[in-house]
């Protein structure tokens, strides 16, 4: 009996060592694959650099900066604390959670008619248009140019006067105007501008100190470049022209952040509305926000603000579960979150190539595929087949 006990005590450390060695080898292999993916993207001219962060509800599993903050030869090296223009990630980092928080506080309802918040819509044949249709891009509204003077008012009046392009609730068409309107709903329902409301109710309680609109001078020095029309380079202001027209604070674009701050936000979502004792929304609100809503006869699946399965879902990759969710940003940003795998993937880049959309989509997709293979729980082939 004593000899058996000695053998057991001898083998336990050996097994633990072997397990740790295997885990270390897998991590090294994953890091190499991610390095190759991002470095190849730099060499091909898709990006000048970026930051990748992969994490779970409890910890960061991978974090690294690559390349430079701009394409100019003497640009500084990318670091993990570089601040990025999130572009359309604003929709799910600021506007959607603000709307959901206000609904939780009973200051608005997702089934409020849009005309309740915008009297300009009264008598314009849009009586069935609800706040939730704006959140799911099923409003049947299209984007249009804004007036140089009073751009917000021109957005409201233009949307009110616009002829609907299809049936409300069934036609999915991704349009910034939906979230421009929602940003103003936040102001009218809360009495505070969107940037103030999001900062006070989301970012500050969570300790997301590098996240928000209207970058301060000191934070601009840490910002990555975005490329505007032609070779124009923008540092510290939104790349999105409409967001700049609207003064830098808009429901569809304008928020800046870092990978580590976004990781805090993703963990808040995975943990049901709060982390480290800081609760910013109820778990039921998170579940409602990320529950599936179907359009185009079930071919498109969106959450409230969030993407689930649509033409914009490249960051879902090959193995995230069918109800994982996320969003992309035109500037070269994306996040994808999977509660089933307890995993999220953040990609922030200085995007240079906008014409070759498929190549950039491949980078987003491949990164998520590597992340789930390396750190998560891939879904079964049957689940993938059932999802087709």
Protein backbone atom coordinates (compact mmCIF):
# COMPACT_ATOMS: atom_id res chain seq x y z
CA UNK A 1 0.00 0.00 0.00
CA UNK A 2 2.85 2.32 0.91
CA UNK A 3 4.63 1.65 -2.39
CA UNK A 4 1.45 2.40 -4.35
CA UNK A 5 1.09 5.70 -2.52
CA UNK A 6 4.70 6.58 -3.35
CA UNK A 7 4.07 5.80 -7.03
CA UNK A 8 0.94 7.97 -7.06
CA UNK A 9 2.79 10.84 -5.42
CA UNK A 10 5.57 10.41 -7.96
CA UNK A 11 3.28 10.45 -11.01
CA UNK A 12 1.03 13.39 -9.99
CA UNK A 13 3.77 16.05 -10.45
CA UNK A 14 4.81 14.36 -13.69
CA UNK A 15 1.24 14.50 -15.03
CA UNK A 16 0.85 18.11 -13.95
CA UNK A 17 4.15 18.99 -15.61
CA UNK A 18 3.08 17.24 -18.83
CA UNK A 19 -0.26 19.05 -18.80
CA UNK A 20 1.39 22.43 -18.25
CA UNK A 21 3.94 21.70 -20.98
CA UNK A 22 1.15 20.78 -23.41
CA UNK A 23 -0.80 23.93 -22.53
CA UNK A 24 2.33 26.03 -22.98
CA UNK A 25 2.99 24.43 -26.37
CA UNK A 26 -0.62 25.06 -27.48
CA UNK A 27 -0.38 28.69 -26.38
CA UNK A 28 2.88 29.13 -28.28
CA UNK A 29 1.36 27.55 -31.38
CA UNK A 30 -1.71 29.82 -31.14
CA UNK A 31 0.45 32.89 -30.68
CA UNK A 32 2.47 31.94 -33.74
CA UNK A 33 -0.68 31.55 -35.86
CA UNK A 34 -2.01 34.92 -34.71
CA UNK A 35 1.39 36.54 -35.33
CA UNK A 36 1.42 35.17 -38.87
CA UNK A 37 -2.12 36.32 -39.59
CA UNK A 38 -1.58 39.91 -38.45
CA UNK A 39 1.94 40.27 -39.82
CA UNK A 40 0.80 38.97 -43.21
CA UNK A 41 -1.99 41.58 -43.13
CA UNK A 42 0.63 44.27 -42.56
CA UNK A 43 2.84 42.97 -45.37
CA UNK A 44 -0.12 42.90 -47.77
CA UNK A 45 -0.95 46.53 -46.97
CA UNK A 46 -4.34 45.79 -45.41
CA UNK A 47 -3.29 47.48 -42.16
CA UNK A 48 -0.26 49.30 -40.79
CA UNK A 49 -0.69 47.71 -37.37
CA UNK A 50 -3.14 46.62 -34.73
CA UNK A 51 -3.88 45.13 -31.35
CA UNK A 52 -5.38 41.70 -30.69
CA UNK A 53 -6.93 40.77 -27.34
CA UNK A 54 -8.58 37.45 -26.61
CA UNK A 55 -10.17 36.85 -23.24
CA UNK A 56 -12.73 35.09 -21.09
CA UNK A 57 -15.03 36.26 -18.31
CA UNK A 58 -12.15 35.81 -15.86
CA UNK A 59 -8.90 36.71 -17.59
CA UNK A 60 -6.97 37.84 -20.65
CA UNK A 61 -5.75 34.87 -22.68
CA UNK A 62 -3.78 36.71 -25.36
CA UNK A 63 -2.85 40.36 -25.90
CA UNK A 64 -0.34 41.84 -28.32
CA UNK A 65 0.34 44.90 -30.45
CA UNK A 66 1.65 44.69 -34.01
CA UNK A 67 3.18 47.09 -36.53
CA UNK A 68 2.80 50.85 -36.36
CA UNK A 69 0.03 53.36 -35.62
CA UNK A 70 0.14 54.80 -39.15
CA UNK A 71 1.60 53.95 -42.58
CA UNK A 72 4.23 56.73 -42.56
CA UNK A 73 7.83 55.45 -42.28
CA UNK A 74 8.65 57.17 -38.98
CA UNK A 75 5.37 56.28 -37.23
CA UNK A 76 5.62 55.03 -33.66
CA UNK A 77 5.22 51.37 -32.81
CA UNK A 78 1.80 50.06 -31.90
CA UNK A 79 1.35 49.34 -28.19
CA UNK A 80 -1.44 47.54 -26.37
CA UNK A 81 -2.64 50.82 -24.83
CA UNK A 82 -3.06 52.56 -28.21
CA UNK A 83 -6.42 54.34 -28.52
CA UNK A 84 -8.53 53.55 -31.59
CA UNK A 85 -11.47 55.14 -33.37
CA UNK A 86 -14.11 52.45 -32.88
CA UNK A 87 -16.33 53.68 -35.76
CA UNK A 88 -19.53 51.57 -35.77
CA UNK A 89 -18.61 49.73 -32.59
CA UNK A 90 -20.06 52.93 -31.11
CA UNK A 91 -23.47 51.44 -31.86
CA UNK A 92 -22.97 48.64 -29.32
CA UNK A 93 -20.52 50.34 -26.94
CA UNK A 94 -22.53 53.52 -26.39
CA UNK A 95 -25.94 53.80 -28.03
CA UNK A 96 -27.43 50.34 -27.60
CA UNK A 97 -26.48 49.89 -23.91
CA UNK A 98 -27.64 53.45 -23.18
CA UNK A 99 -31.02 52.75 -24.77
CA UNK A 100 -31.28 49.46 -22.86
CA UNK A 101 -30.33 51.15 -19.60
CA UNK A 102 -33.01 53.80 -20.13
CA UNK A 103 -35.55 51.07 -20.87
CA UNK A 104 -34.49 49.34 -17.66
CA UNK A 105 -35.07 52.63 -15.83
CA UNK A 106 -38.52 52.87 -17.53
CA UNK A 107 -37.60 56.17 -19.14
CA UNK A 108 -38.46 54.72 -22.54
CA UNK A 109 -39.78 51.49 -24.03
CA UNK A 110 -38.40 49.48 -26.92
CA UNK A 111 -41.91 49.40 -28.35
CA UNK A 112 -42.35 53.17 -28.18
CA UNK A 113 -43.42 54.58 -31.55
CA UNK A 114 -40.55 56.65 -32.95
CA UNK A 115 -43.00 59.54 -33.36
CA UNK A 116 -43.28 59.67 -29.55
CA UNK A 117 -39.70 60.95 -29.44
CA UNK A 118 -39.75 62.79 -32.76
CA UNK A 119 -42.95 64.74 -33.43
CA UNK A 120 -41.57 65.34 -36.93
CA UNK A 121 -42.62 61.74 -37.77
CA UNK A 122 -46.29 62.45 -37.00
CA UNK A 123 -48.50 61.99 -40.07
CA UNK A 124 -45.64 60.75 -42.27
CA UNK A 125 -46.91 57.19 -42.70
CA UNK A 126 -44.51 55.73 -40.15
CA UNK A 127 -46.94 55.00 -37.32
CA UNK A 128 -45.70 51.38 -37.05
CA UNK A 129 -42.04 52.41 -36.72
CA UNK A 130 -40.79 51.50 -33.21
CA UNK A 131 -37.58 52.10 -31.30
CA UNK A 132 -36.70 48.40 -31.60
CA UNK A 133 -36.85 48.66 -35.41
CA UNK A 134 -34.11 51.26 -35.26
CA UNK A 135 -32.03 48.95 -33.04
CA UNK A 136 -32.38 46.01 -35.44
CA UNK A 137 -31.95 47.98 -38.68
CA UNK A 138 -35.45 46.95 -39.78
CA UNK A 139 -36.83 50.51 -39.94
CA UNK A 140 -36.95 50.53 -43.77
CA UNK A 141 -34.97 53.80 -43.65
CA UNK A 142 -31.91 54.51 -45.80
CA UNK A 143 -28.91 56.78 -45.22
CA UNK A 144 -28.67 60.21 -46.84
CA UNK A 145 -26.49 63.31 -46.71
CA UNK A 146 -26.99 65.80 -43.90
CA UNK A 147 -27.20 69.57 -44.21
CA UNK A 148 -24.09 71.51 -43.24
CA UNK A 149 -26.19 73.75 -41.02
CA UNK A 150 -28.19 72.06 -38.24
CA UNK A 151 -27.16 68.55 -39.35
CA UNK A 152 -29.03 66.76 -36.57
CA UNK A 153 -32.29 68.49 -37.39
CA UNK A 154 -31.77 67.66 -41.05
CA UNK A 155 -31.26 64.00 -40.06
CA UNK A 156 -34.55 63.93 -38.16
CA UNK A 157 -36.54 65.79 -40.79
CA UNK A 158 -34.95 63.80 -43.62
CA UNK A 159 -35.77 60.48 -41.98
CA UNK A 160 -39.33 61.61 -41.27
CA UNK A 161 -39.92 62.69 -44.87
CA UNK A 162 -38.20 59.69 -46.47
CA UNK A 163 -40.28 57.11 -48.31
CA UNK A 164 -39.95 53.70 -46.67
CA UNK A 165 -37.86 51.21 -48.64
CA UNK A 166 -39.74 48.04 -47.81
CA UNK A 167 -41.80 46.68 -44.94
CA UNK A 168 -40.99 47.82 -41.41
CA UNK A 169 -39.82 44.91 -39.27
CA UNK A 170 -39.00 42.51 -42.09
CA UNK A 171 -36.59 44.41 -44.33
CA UNK A 172 -33.06 44.37 -42.92
CA UNK A 173 -30.92 47.23 -44.19
CA UNK A 174 -27.91 48.38 -42.18
CA UNK A 175 -28.12 52.18 -41.98
CA UNK A 176 -26.40 54.75 -39.75
CA UNK A 177 -29.53 56.93 -39.66
CA UNK A 178 -31.13 54.41 -37.30
CA UNK A 179 -28.48 55.04 -34.67
CA UNK A 180 -28.20 58.75 -35.32
CA UNK A 181 -31.85 58.91 -34.29
CA UNK A 182 -31.28 56.61 -31.31
CA UNK A 183 -28.46 58.81 -30.06
CA UNK A 184 -30.89 61.71 -29.94
CA UNK A 185 -33.50 59.50 -28.22
CA UNK A 186 -30.96 58.99 -25.42
CA UNK A 187 -30.65 62.76 -25.02
CA UNK A 188 -34.39 63.35 -25.04
CA UNK A 189 -35.15 60.48 -22.64
CA UNK A 190 -32.34 61.15 -20.17
CA UNK A 191 -31.84 64.90 -20.43
CA UNK A 192 -28.13 64.30 -21.06
CA UNK A 193 -26.09 64.15 -24.25
CA UNK A 194 -25.18 60.62 -25.35
CA UNK A 195 -21.49 61.06 -24.48
CA UNK A 196 -22.37 62.24 -20.96
CA UNK A 197 -24.93 59.53 -20.33
CA UNK A 198 -22.69 56.69 -21.57
CA UNK A 199 -19.72 57.96 -19.58
CA UNK A 200 -21.66 58.35 -16.34
CA UNK A 201 -23.66 55.12 -16.54
CA UNK A 202 -21.29 52.75 -18.35
CA UNK A 203 -17.65 53.74 -18.70
CA UNK A 204 -16.86 55.40 -15.37
CA UNK A 205 -18.57 52.74 -13.19
CA UNK A 206 -16.64 50.02 -15.06
CA UNK A 207 -13.34 51.89 -14.86
CA UNK A 208 -13.11 52.27 -18.66
CA UNK A 209 -11.03 55.42 -18.38
CA UNK A 210 -9.78 55.43 -21.97
CA UNK A 211 -13.25 55.10 -23.53
CA UNK A 212 -15.48 57.89 -24.74
CA UNK A 213 -16.18 60.60 -27.27
CA UNK A 214 -14.14 63.78 -27.91
CA UNK A 215 -10.58 62.74 -27.16
CA UNK A 216 -8.62 65.02 -24.85
CA UNK A 217 -5.26 66.39 -25.96
CA UNK A 218 -3.23 63.93 -23.90
CA UNK A 219 -5.18 60.95 -25.24
CA UNK A 220 -4.78 62.13 -28.83
CA UNK A 221 -1.05 61.50 -28.43
CA UNK A 222 -1.87 57.79 -27.92
CA UNK A 223 -4.34 57.54 -30.80
CA UNK A 224 -3.82 55.46 -33.91
CA UNK A 225 -4.36 57.05 -37.29
CA UNK A 226 -7.42 56.45 -39.43
CA UNK A 227 -7.31 57.00 -43.15
CA UNK A 228 -10.03 59.23 -44.59
CA UNK A 229 -10.82 60.05 -48.20
CA UNK A 230 -7.82 59.46 -50.42
CA UNK A 231 -4.62 59.67 -48.35
CA UNK A 232 -6.05 61.98 -45.68
CA UNK A 233 -4.95 60.88 -42.21
CA UNK A 234 -7.10 61.65 -39.17
CA UNK A 235 -5.78 61.51 -35.61
CA UNK A 236 -8.11 61.89 -32.65
CA UNK A 237 -11.25 62.87 -34.56
CA UNK A 238 -13.84 60.43 -35.94
CA UNK A 239 -13.05 59.02 -39.35
CA UNK A 240 -16.79 59.03 -40.08
CA UNK A 241 -17.79 62.24 -41.87
CA UNK A 242 -21.34 62.32 -40.48
CA UNK A 243 -19.99 61.93 -36.94
CA UNK A 244 -17.69 64.90 -37.53
CA UNK A 245 -20.64 66.89 -38.94
CA UNK A 246 -22.55 66.11 -35.75
CA UNK A 247 -19.77 67.52 -33.58
CA UNK A 248 -18.00 64.26 -32.80
CA UNK A 249 -20.86 62.84 -30.70
CA UNK A 250 -23.28 60.62 -32.61
CA UNK A 251 -25.18 57.41 -32.09
CA UNK A 252 -23.55 55.58 -34.97
CA UNK A 253 -19.84 56.53 -34.58
CA UNK A 254 -17.45 58.68 -32.57
CA UNK A 255 -16.35 56.58 -29.59
CA UNK A 256 -12.64 55.90 -28.99
CA UNK A 257 -11.21 53.15 -26.79
CA UNK A 258 -8.40 50.68 -26.09
CA UNK A 259 -8.36 46.90 -26.27
CA UNK A 260 -8.16 46.57 -22.48
CA UNK A 261 -11.18 48.82 -21.94
CA UNK A 262 -13.14 46.83 -24.51
CA UNK A 263 -12.16 43.66 -22.65
CA UNK A 264 -13.76 45.10 -19.51
CA UNK A 265 -16.96 45.77 -21.47
CA UNK A 266 -16.96 42.24 -22.95
CA UNK A 267 -16.52 40.74 -19.48
CA UNK A 268 -19.42 42.82 -18.22
CA UNK A 269 -21.57 41.27 -20.94
CA UNK A 270 -20.34 37.73 -20.21
CA UNK A 271 -20.96 38.22 -16.49
CA UNK A 272 -24.54 39.42 -16.94
CA UNK A 273 -24.23 43.17 -16.59
CA UNK A 274 -21.47 43.74 -14.08
CA UNK A 275 -17.96 42.83 -12.96
CA UNK A 276 -15.97 43.17 -9.74
CA UNK A 277 -19.08 44.25 -7.85
CA UNK A 278 -19.89 47.02 -10.31
CA UNK A 279 -23.32 46.45 -11.88
CA UNK A 280 -24.26 48.67 -14.82
CA UNK A 281 -27.31 46.76 -16.05
CA UNK A 282 -29.45 43.80 -15.06
CA UNK A 283 -28.77 40.33 -16.43
CA UNK A 284 -32.23 40.25 -18.03
CA UNK A 285 -31.33 43.44 -19.90
CA UNK A 286 -28.15 41.84 -21.28
CA UNK A 287 -30.12 38.76 -22.33
CA UNK A 288 -32.78 40.87 -24.03
CA UNK A 289 -30.13 42.95 -25.80
CA UNK A 290 -28.38 39.88 -27.23
CA UNK A 291 -31.42 37.70 -27.96
CA UNK A 292 -32.05 36.89 -31.65
CA UNK A 293 -34.43 38.93 -33.82
CA UNK A 294 -35.11 37.57 -37.31
CA UNK A 295 -35.62 39.42 -40.60
CA UNK A 296 -35.44 38.68 -44.33
CA UNK A 297 -37.53 35.58 -43.71
CA UNK A 298 -35.13 34.32 -41.06
CA UNK A 299 -32.01 34.72 -43.20
CA UNK A 300 -30.69 37.60 -41.10
CA UNK A 301 -30.39 37.37 -37.32
CA UNK A 302 -29.59 40.43 -35.20
CA UNK A 303 -29.69 41.27 -31.54
CA UNK A 304 -30.68 44.73 -30.36
CA UNK A 305 -27.80 46.66 -31.87
CA UNK A 306 -25.65 43.53 -32.00
CA UNK A 307 -24.98 41.36 -35.04
CA UNK A 308 -25.52 37.60 -34.83
CA UNK A 309 -25.76 36.25 -38.38
CA UNK A 310 -25.82 38.66 -41.31
CA UNK A 311 -23.65 39.82 -44.22
CA UNK A 312 -21.53 41.65 -41.60
CA UNK A 313 -20.74 38.61 -39.42
CA UNK A 314 -17.20 37.76 -40.57
CA UNK A 315 -15.76 38.01 -37.00
CA UNK A 316 -17.94 35.06 -36.04
CA UNK A 317 -15.34 32.81 -37.69
CA UNK A 318 -15.78 29.08 -38.15
CA UNK A 319 -16.45 27.79 -34.66
CA UNK A 320 -18.26 30.33 -32.49
CA UNK A 321 -21.72 29.14 -31.42
CA UNK A 322 -24.79 30.10 -33.42
CA UNK A 323 -25.96 32.68 -30.89
CA UNK A 324 -22.60 34.37 -30.36
CA UNK A 325 -22.70 38.06 -31.23
CA UNK A 326 -20.54 41.06 -32.01
CA UNK A 327 -20.04 44.01 -34.33
CA UNK A 328 -17.57 45.52 -36.76
CA UNK A 329 -16.28 49.04 -37.35
CA UNK A 330 -15.36 50.51 -40.73
CA UNK A 331 -12.06 51.86 -39.38
CA UNK A 332 -10.81 48.28 -38.93
CA UNK A 333 -12.25 47.29 -35.58
CA UNK A 334 -14.36 44.36 -34.41
CA UNK A 335 -15.42 42.42 -31.35
CA UNK A 336 -17.14 39.04 -31.06
CA UNK A 337 -18.49 37.49 -27.86
CA UNK A 338 -19.61 33.93 -27.17
CA UNK A 339 -21.15 33.21 -23.74
CA UNK A 340 -21.28 29.48 -24.54
CA UNK A 341 -17.53 29.33 -25.11
CA UNK A 342 -16.87 31.99 -22.42
CA UNK A 343 -14.70 33.80 -24.93
CA UNK A 344 -14.37 37.13 -26.71
CA UNK A 345 -12.09 38.37 -29.49
CA UNK A 346 -11.11 42.01 -29.99
CA UNK A 347 -9.36 43.24 -33.14
CA UNK A 348 -8.35 46.91 -33.44
CA UNK A 349 -6.37 47.98 -36.50
CA UNK A 350 -5.19 50.93 -38.54
CA UNK A 351 -6.98 49.84 -41.69
CA UNK A 352 -5.47 50.98 -44.99
CA UNK A 353 -7.30 48.94 -47.61
CA UNK A 354 -11.05 49.54 -48.00
CA UNK A 355 -11.67 48.18 -51.48
CA UNK A 356 -10.65 44.59 -50.76
CA UNK A 357 -13.40 43.89 -48.25
CA UNK A 358 -13.13 40.11 -48.58
CA UNK A 359 -9.46 40.10 -47.55
CA UNK A 360 -10.20 42.11 -44.43
CA UNK A 361 -13.22 39.95 -43.62
CA UNK A 362 -10.96 36.90 -43.90
CA UNK A 363 -8.60 38.36 -41.27
CA UNK A 364 -11.48 38.92 -38.85
CA UNK A 365 -12.88 35.45 -39.48
CA UNK A 366 -9.56 33.62 -39.24
CA UNK A 367 -8.65 35.37 -35.99
CA UNK A 368 -11.88 34.20 -34.37
CA UNK A 369 -11.42 30.68 -35.71
CA UNK A 370 -7.92 30.50 -34.22
CA UNK A 371 -9.20 31.93 -30.92
CA UNK A 372 -11.93 29.32 -30.49
CA UNK A 373 -9.67 26.46 -31.58
CA UNK A 374 -7.00 27.59 -29.13
CA UNK A 375 -8.89 28.91 -26.13
CA UNK A 376 -12.57 28.06 -26.43
CA UNK A 377 -15.00 25.24 -27.03
CA UNK A 378 -15.62 24.80 -30.78
CA UNK A 379 -19.19 23.90 -31.72
CA UNK A 380 -19.79 20.49 -33.24
CA UNK A 381 -20.06 19.90 -36.96
CA UNK A 382 -23.73 18.98 -36.44
CA UNK A 383 -24.39 22.36 -34.83
CA UNK A 384 -22.71 24.08 -37.77
CA UNK A 385 -24.82 22.06 -40.23
CA UNK A 386 -28.02 22.84 -38.29
CA UNK A 387 -27.15 26.52 -38.47
CA UNK A 388 -26.94 26.57 -42.26
